[in-house]
Amino acid sequence: MRTKMVLASAASAISILAAALLPQNAVAANGDTLKTVQDRGQLVCTGHNGSFEGFAEVDDKGNWKGFDIDYCRAIAAAIFGDANKVNFLPVSWAQRFPSLQSGELDVVIKATGWTMSRDTELGLQFSVPYFLGLTQVMVPKSLGVEDVKGLDGGTACVEAGTSTERQAANYFKRIGVDLKLITFEKTTEARSAYFGGRCDSFVQWGPNLATARLSAPNPDEHMILPDNLALEAEAAVVRQGDDPWLDIVNWTFFTTWIAEEYGITSENVDEMKANPPDETVAKLLGVTPGFGSRLGLSDDAGYNIIKLVGNSEEIYERSLGEGSPYKLPRGLNNLWNNGGVLYPAGLD
């Protein structure tokens, strides 16, 4: 995600050209993605060309898993009542927008930052942010520092020419810390240099630091500092001009958040549906009609999302949190009532 600015500009130019060259039937289909998906009998969603740990990865049996993957499955569950009716198309970061614009993809759920240029120039629409990606710093525990201020006078490994490098420089200057940035062409080179002792610290996107830490010879010897250098809002992406489809994507996220807020899980959803404690739960689970039909779906859509995929806490914990190898603290990605900033729209 933290690609070089030059490559990002090239990818944007390619995306604009791809949109201009789309066949007419692909453009015409933009306004009725739901019908296209239903007629096809499956959703086509983003995978990754390799493994993007915690978000989109393939196990040794060829099965996709991860945070983004689960939300693709949640959309399929909402539409079909079957979370497995989704085809994961392995695409690179640069390919995701042209593949969406051409109609190869129905939706991009791939740790994609919501930026002004993407929103206004590429014919794309963004969902509500579903993940907040923080730029953070990892250090050896042996340094004995508790925050970035303790690194004053030291060094930090970082990938050259990226938003991460710019964010780090701005943050260190703002808080008055003299930390020399040692830059590398690739993230893998910066990671190797840090673990090789060439830098006192390693600056990267928080989830990437969590996975990098696992690759260390002794993971327990490293820690991620609490400082948040910058924040990037990750959102799902659809083609512009199809608001009903965007509604389905947004309410898939909202469903998992409302479920967590009200204590509805994949384990107790049947009990909750049989005896809903209030009208919000009754609406969400289809006991009271209207939730799914407003989206052009079955009124069981919310129930199916929760039953087949889970609520937002379940999704996070098995993909990135304590139930995963990465043990990434949820932080700001908690709901509003648990110290985070995520909150659903009202279910009126």
Protein backbone atom coordinates (compact mmCIF):
# COMPACT_ATOMS: atom_id res chain seq x y z
CA MET A 1 0.00 0.00 0.00
CA ARG A 2 2.88 2.34 0.75
CA THR A 3 4.04 2.47 -2.87
CA LYS A 4 6.46 5.00 -4.20
CA MET A 5 4.88 8.26 -5.25
CA VAL A 6 6.17 7.87 -8.79
CA LEU A 7 4.56 4.46 -9.13
CA ALA A 8 1.34 5.75 -7.62
CA SER A 9 1.20 8.53 -10.20
CA ALA A 10 1.82 6.05 -12.99
CA ALA A 11 -0.89 3.77 -11.66
CA SER A 12 -3.33 6.70 -11.58
CA ALA A 13 -2.52 7.57 -15.18
CA ILE A 14 -3.03 3.97 -16.26
CA SER A 15 -6.34 3.85 -14.41
CA ILE A 16 -7.62 7.01 -16.12
CA LEU A 17 -6.61 5.64 -19.54
CA ALA A 18 -8.26 2.29 -18.77
CA ALA A 19 -11.50 4.03 -17.85
CA ALA A 20 -11.48 5.98 -21.11
CA LEU A 21 -11.03 2.81 -23.15
CA LEU A 22 -13.76 0.77 -21.45
CA PRO A 23 -16.23 -0.99 -23.73
CA GLN A 24 -19.69 0.58 -23.67
CA ASN A 25 -21.35 -2.45 -22.05
CA ALA A 26 -18.93 -2.26 -19.12
CA VAL A 27 -19.80 1.41 -18.55
CA ALA A 28 -23.52 0.68 -18.87
CA ALA A 29 -23.23 -2.03 -16.24
CA ASN A 30 -21.91 0.47 -13.68
CA GLY A 31 -25.39 1.38 -12.48
CA ASP A 32 -26.61 -2.14 -11.76
CA THR A 33 -23.78 -4.09 -10.19
CA LEU A 34 -26.13 -6.01 -7.91
CA LYS A 35 -28.07 -7.46 -10.86
CA THR A 36 -24.80 -8.35 -12.60
CA VAL A 37 -23.58 -10.16 -9.49
CA GLN A 38 -26.89 -11.97 -8.97
CA ASP A 39 -27.08 -13.06 -12.61
CA ARG A 40 -23.49 -14.33 -12.47
CA GLY A 41 -24.18 -16.21 -9.25
CA GLN A 42 -21.09 -14.99 -7.43
CA LEU A 43 -19.30 -11.85 -6.30
CA VAL A 44 -15.88 -11.04 -7.75
CA CYS A 45 -13.70 -9.39 -5.12
CA THR A 46 -10.02 -8.58 -4.68
CA GLY A 47 -7.48 -11.11 -3.59
CA HIS A 48 -3.76 -10.34 -3.65
CA ASN A 49 -0.95 -11.35 -5.97
CA GLY A 50 0.84 -13.22 -3.21
CA SER A 51 0.01 -12.78 0.45
CA PHE A 52 -0.76 -9.52 2.23
CA GLU A 53 -0.53 -10.91 5.75
CA GLY A 54 -3.56 -10.43 7.92
CA PHE A 55 -5.65 -8.93 5.13
CA ALA A 56 -5.52 -11.26 2.13
CA GLU A 57 -3.48 -14.45 2.23
CA VAL A 58 -3.74 -18.00 0.95
CA ASP A 59 -3.21 -20.99 3.22
CA ASP A 60 -1.37 -24.17 2.26
CA LYS A 61 -4.64 -25.64 0.95
CA GLY A 62 -5.29 -22.73 -1.38
CA ASN A 63 -8.00 -21.14 0.77
CA TRP A 64 -8.20 -17.36 1.07
CA LYS A 65 -8.34 -15.78 4.52
CA GLY A 66 -7.84 -12.39 6.15
CA PHE A 67 -9.57 -9.21 7.24
CA ASP A 68 -10.35 -7.94 3.72
CA ILE A 69 -11.26 -11.43 2.55
CA ASP A 70 -13.85 -11.79 5.32
CA TYR A 71 -15.58 -8.58 4.27
CA CYS A 72 -15.77 -9.84 0.69
CA ARG A 73 -17.41 -12.97 2.08
CA ALA A 74 -19.76 -10.85 4.16
CA ILE A 75 -21.06 -9.10 1.03
CA ALA A 76 -21.59 -12.49 -0.64
CA ALA A 77 -23.44 -13.67 2.48
CA ALA A 78 -25.71 -10.62 2.33
CA ILE A 79 -26.55 -11.16 -1.35
CA PHE A 80 -26.72 -14.94 -1.63
CA GLY A 81 -27.03 -16.24 1.91
CA ASP A 82 -23.78 -18.07 1.12
CA ALA A 83 -20.41 -16.59 2.10
CA ASN A 84 -18.60 -18.90 -0.33
CA LYS A 85 -20.21 -17.46 -3.44
CA VAL A 86 -17.25 -15.18 -4.09
CA ASN A 87 -14.40 -15.43 -6.56
CA PHE A 88 -11.18 -13.84 -5.33
CA LEU A 89 -9.26 -12.26 -8.20
CA PRO A 90 -5.54 -11.98 -7.39
CA VAL A 91 -4.53 -8.44 -8.35
CA SER A 92 -1.61 -6.16 -7.58
CA TRP A 93 -1.98 -2.72 -6.05
CA ALA A 94 -1.64 -1.11 -9.48
CA GLN A 95 -4.18 -3.48 -11.09
CA ARG A 96 -7.01 -3.01 -8.59
CA PHE A 97 -8.52 0.17 -10.08
CA PRO A 98 -8.29 -0.78 -13.78
CA SER A 99 -9.77 -4.19 -12.92
CA LEU A 100 -12.68 -2.49 -11.14
CA GLN A 101 -13.22 0.01 -13.95
CA SER A 102 -13.20 -2.69 -16.62
CA GLY A 103 -15.84 -4.74 -14.80
CA GLU A 104 -13.50 -7.60 -13.88
CA LEU A 105 -14.07 -6.76 -10.22
CA ASP A 106 -17.33 -5.86 -8.50
CA VAL A 107 -15.67 -4.25 -5.50
CA VAL A 108 -12.17 -3.53 -4.22
CA ILE A 109 -11.60 -4.40 -0.57
CA LYS A 110 -7.83 -4.23 -0.42
CA ALA A 111 -6.49 -1.89 2.31
CA THR A 112 -7.08 1.03 -0.05
CA GLY A 113 -6.53 4.57 1.19
CA TRP A 114 -9.31 7.07 0.51
CA THR A 115 -7.61 10.05 -1.13
CA MET A 116 -8.90 13.10 -2.97
CA SER A 117 -7.24 12.28 -6.31
CA ARG A 118 -8.67 8.76 -6.35
CA ASP A 119 -12.10 10.06 -5.33
CA THR A 120 -12.29 12.84 -7.93
CA GLU A 121 -10.21 11.73 -10.91
CA LEU A 122 -10.66 7.97 -11.40
CA GLY A 123 -14.42 7.47 -11.59
CA LEU A 124 -14.47 5.71 -8.23
CA GLN A 125 -16.61 5.88 -5.10
CA PHE A 126 -15.41 5.03 -1.62
CA SER A 127 -17.28 3.37 1.22
CA VAL A 128 -17.16 4.46 4.83
CA PRO A 129 -13.66 3.77 6.19
CA TYR A 130 -13.61 0.24 7.62
CA PHE A 131 -10.01 0.23 8.88
CA LEU A 132 -7.73 2.97 10.14
CA GLY A 133 -4.12 2.30 9.18
CA LEU A 134 -1.61 3.93 11.49
CA THR A 135 2.02 4.67 10.69
CA GLN A 136 4.07 3.48 13.67
CA VAL A 137 7.58 2.69 14.87
CA MET A 138 9.10 -0.63 15.96
CA VAL A 139 12.15 -0.84 18.20
CA PRO A 140 14.19 -3.51 19.98
CA LYS A 141 13.00 -3.84 23.58
CA SER A 142 16.65 -3.72 24.62
CA LEU A 143 16.73 0.02 23.82
CA GLY A 144 14.49 0.60 26.80
CA VAL A 145 12.44 3.36 25.16
CA GLU A 146 8.73 3.83 25.79
CA ASP A 147 7.88 6.25 23.00
CA VAL A 148 9.39 8.00 19.99
CA LYS A 149 10.86 10.80 22.13
CA GLY A 150 13.19 8.23 23.60
CA LEU A 151 14.75 7.76 20.14
CA ASP A 152 16.11 11.33 20.00
CA GLY A 153 19.53 11.31 18.33
CA GLY A 154 19.01 7.85 16.84
CA THR A 155 18.15 6.42 13.43
CA ALA A 156 15.11 4.95 11.69
CA CYS A 157 14.92 2.64 8.67
CA VAL A 158 12.21 3.61 6.17
CA GLU A 159 11.31 3.00 2.53
CA ALA A 160 12.42 5.90 0.29
CA GLY A 161 10.01 8.10 -1.64
CA THR A 162 6.90 6.92 0.19
CA SER A 163 4.17 8.62 2.18
CA THR A 164 5.62 6.79 5.19
CA GLU A 165 8.93 8.63 4.84
CA ARG A 166 7.13 11.99 4.57
CA GLN A 167 4.86 11.24 7.52
CA ALA A 168 7.80 10.19 9.69
CA ALA A 169 9.84 13.29 8.86
CA ASN A 170 6.89 15.59 9.57
CA TYR A 171 6.03 13.87 12.85
CA PHE A 172 9.58 13.87 14.21
CA LYS A 173 9.99 17.54 13.32
CA ARG A 174 6.64 18.44 14.90
CA ILE A 175 7.50 16.85 18.27
CA GLY A 176 11.10 18.08 18.22
CA VAL A 177 12.85 14.71 17.91
CA ASP A 178 16.16 14.54 16.01
CA LEU A 179 15.88 11.13 14.33
CA LYS A 180 17.88 10.46 11.18
CA LEU A 181 15.97 8.59 8.47
CA ILE A 182 17.98 5.93 6.66
CA THR A 183 16.13 5.17 3.43
CA PHE A 184 15.95 2.05 1.29
CA GLU A 185 14.44 1.32 -2.11
CA LYS A 186 12.26 -1.55 -0.89
CA THR A 187 10.37 -2.34 2.28
CA THR A 188 12.12 -5.72 2.46
CA GLU A 189 15.50 -3.94 2.39
CA ALA A 190 14.46 -1.56 5.19
CA ARG A 191 13.17 -4.50 7.23
CA SER A 192 16.39 -6.48 6.77
CA ALA A 193 18.48 -3.45 7.68
CA TYR A 194 16.54 -2.91 10.90
CA PHE A 195 16.78 -6.54 11.97
CA GLY A 196 20.46 -6.45 11.00
CA GLY A 197 21.06 -3.63 13.49
CA ARG A 198 21.73 -0.83 10.98
CA CYS A 199 18.95 1.33 12.49
CA ASP A 200 17.60 1.89 15.97
CA SER A 201 14.01 1.72 14.74
CA PHE A 202 11.82 0.78 11.80
CA VAL A 203 8.99 3.01 10.53
CA GLN A 204 6.11 1.39 8.63
CA TRP A 205 2.36 0.92 8.43
CA GLY A 206 1.28 -0.63 11.75
CA PRO A 207 -0.11 -3.93 10.40
CA ASN A 208 3.04 -4.39 8.31
CA LEU A 209 5.15 -3.89 11.43
CA ALA A 210 3.14 -6.56 13.21
CA THR A 211 3.82 -9.07 10.44
CA ALA A 212 7.47 -7.97 10.12
CA ARG A 213 7.97 -8.57 13.82
CA LEU A 214 6.97 -12.20 13.32
CA SER A 215 9.78 -12.63 10.80
CA ALA A 216 12.43 -11.67 13.36
CA PRO A 217 14.62 -14.44 14.77
CA ASN A 218 13.25 -13.52 18.22
CA PRO A 219 9.93 -11.66 17.82
CA ASP A 220 9.53 -11.09 21.56
CA GLU A 221 12.64 -8.91 21.51
CA HIS A 222 10.85 -6.21 19.49
CA MET A 223 7.93 -3.91 20.29
CA ILE A 224 5.73 -1.40 18.47
CA LEU A 225 5.74 1.99 20.21
CA PRO A 226 2.40 3.63 21.11
CA ASP A 227 3.04 6.73 18.99
CA ASN A 228 0.78 7.15 15.96
CA LEU A 229 2.69 9.14 13.34
CA ALA A 230 -0.15 9.38 10.84
CA LEU A 231 -3.48 7.83 9.97
CA GLU A 232 -4.83 6.59 6.64
CA ALA A 233 -8.51 5.75 6.21
CA GLU A 234 -8.92 2.45 4.33
CA ALA A 235 -12.18 2.04 2.42
CA ALA A 236 -13.83 -0.29 -0.05
CA VAL A 237 -14.08 1.01 -3.63
CA VAL A 238 -16.82 0.69 -6.24
CA ARG A 239 -17.46 2.27 -9.63
CA GLN A 240 -18.95 5.73 -9.58
CA GLY A 241 -22.63 5.99 -10.44
CA ASP A 242 -23.98 2.97 -8.60
CA ASP A 243 -25.22 4.28 -5.27
CA PRO A 244 -27.41 1.22 -4.48
CA TRP A 245 -24.35 -1.01 -4.75
CA LEU A 246 -22.36 1.33 -2.51
CA ASP A 247 -25.23 1.15 0.00
CA ILE A 248 -24.88 -2.65 0.11
CA VAL A 249 -21.14 -2.38 0.74
CA ASN A 250 -21.58 0.28 3.44
CA TRP A 251 -24.36 -1.62 5.22
CA THR A 252 -22.28 -4.78 5.19
CA PHE A 253 -19.71 -2.93 7.30
CA PHE A 254 -22.41 -1.32 9.44
CA THR A 255 -24.05 -4.70 10.07
CA THR A 256 -20.88 -6.13 11.60
CA TRP A 257 -20.45 -2.99 13.75
CA ILE A 258 -24.07 -2.93 14.96
CA ALA A 259 -23.80 -6.63 15.76
CA GLU A 260 -20.72 -6.07 17.90
CA GLU A 261 -22.29 -3.05 19.61
CA TYR A 262 -25.35 -5.11 20.56
CA GLY A 263 -23.41 -8.24 21.50
CA ILE A 264 -24.61 -10.32 18.56
CA THR A 265 -22.10 -12.95 17.43
CA SER A 266 -22.04 -15.85 15.02
CA GLU A 267 -22.53 -18.07 18.06
CA ASN A 268 -25.62 -16.42 19.58
CA VAL A 269 -27.29 -14.89 16.51
CA ASP A 270 -29.95 -17.62 16.34
CA GLU A 271 -30.90 -17.02 19.96
CA MET A 272 -30.97 -13.25 19.36
CA LYS A 273 -33.20 -13.72 16.33
CA ALA A 274 -35.59 -15.93 18.25
CA ASN A 275 -35.80 -13.44 21.13
CA PRO A 276 -34.62 -9.99 19.96
CA PRO A 277 -33.97 -7.74 22.99
CA ASP A 278 -35.04 -4.57 21.17
CA GLU A 279 -36.26 -3.18 17.87
CA THR A 280 -32.76 -2.51 16.48
CA VAL A 281 -31.82 -6.18 16.81
CA ALA A 282 -35.21 -7.23 15.41
CA LYS A 283 -34.66 -5.06 12.33
CA LEU A 284 -31.05 -6.12 11.82
CA LEU A 285 -31.86 -9.83 11.97
CA GLY A 286 -34.96 -9.63 9.78
CA VAL A 287 -37.55 -10.32 12.47
CA THR A 288 -39.03 -6.92 11.69
CA PRO A 289 -39.14 -6.55 7.86
CA GLY A 290 -37.32 -3.81 6.00
CA PHE A 291 -33.56 -4.05 6.52
CA GLY A 292 -32.66 -6.19 3.52
CA SER A 293 -35.48 -5.06 1.25
CA ARG A 294 -34.26 -1.46 1.43
CA LEU A 295 -31.04 -2.73 -0.18
CA GLY A 296 -32.75 -4.93 -2.76
CA LEU A 297 -31.86 -8.02 -0.74
CA SER A 298 -33.59 -10.58 1.46
CA ASP A 299 -34.51 -9.39 4.95
CA ASP A 300 -32.22 -12.17 6.18
CA ALA A 301 -29.20 -10.26 4.80
CA GLY A 302 -28.02 -8.96 8.19
CA TYR A 303 -28.59 -12.31 9.87
CA ASN A 304 -26.64 -14.10 7.13
CA ILE A 305 -23.67 -11.74 7.43
CA ILE A 306 -23.39 -12.34 11.17
CA LYS A 307 -24.17 -16.07 11.11
CA LEU A 308 -21.79 -16.90 8.26
CA VAL A 309 -18.94 -14.41 8.83
CA GLY A 310 -19.36 -12.85 12.27
CA ASN A 311 -19.39 -9.41 13.83
CA SER A 312 -16.55 -6.89 13.52
CA GLU A 313 -14.79 -8.09 16.66
CA GLU A 314 -14.80 -11.70 15.47
CA ILE A 315 -13.47 -10.68 12.06
CA TYR A 316 -10.69 -8.53 13.52
CA GLU A 317 -9.55 -10.94 16.19
CA ARG A 318 -9.17 -13.97 13.92
CA SER A 319 -7.46 -12.01 11.13
CA LEU A 320 -5.26 -9.46 12.91
CA GLY A 321 -5.83 -9.66 16.67
CA GLU A 322 -5.27 -12.14 19.45
CA GLY A 323 -6.67 -15.06 17.49
CA SER A 324 -4.15 -14.47 14.69
CA PRO A 325 -0.37 -14.86 14.57
CA TYR A 326 0.00 -11.05 14.41
CA LYS A 327 -1.50 -9.99 17.76
CA LEU A 328 -2.08 -6.44 16.50
CA PRO A 329 -3.86 -4.30 19.14
CA ARG A 330 -7.16 -3.06 17.77
CA GLY A 331 -6.73 0.50 19.01
CA LEU A 332 -8.68 3.05 16.97
CA ASN A 333 -10.32 0.21 15.05
CA ASN A 334 -12.44 -0.55 18.09
CA LEU A 335 -16.03 0.67 18.12
CA TRP A 336 -16.85 4.09 19.56
CA ASN A 337 -18.05 2.52 22.84
CA ASN A 338 -14.79 0.65 23.39
CA GLY A 339 -12.18 3.37 22.91
CA GLY A 340 -12.18 3.39 19.11
CA VAL A 341 -13.66 5.61 16.42
CA LEU A 342 -15.78 3.25 14.31
CA TYR A 343 -19.52 3.78 14.50
CA PRO A 344 -22.47 2.64 12.36
CA ALA A 345 -25.22 4.74 10.84
CA GLY A 346 -28.59 4.62 12.58
CA LEU A 347 -30.89 1.72 11.75
CA ASP A 348 -34.09 3.77 11.37
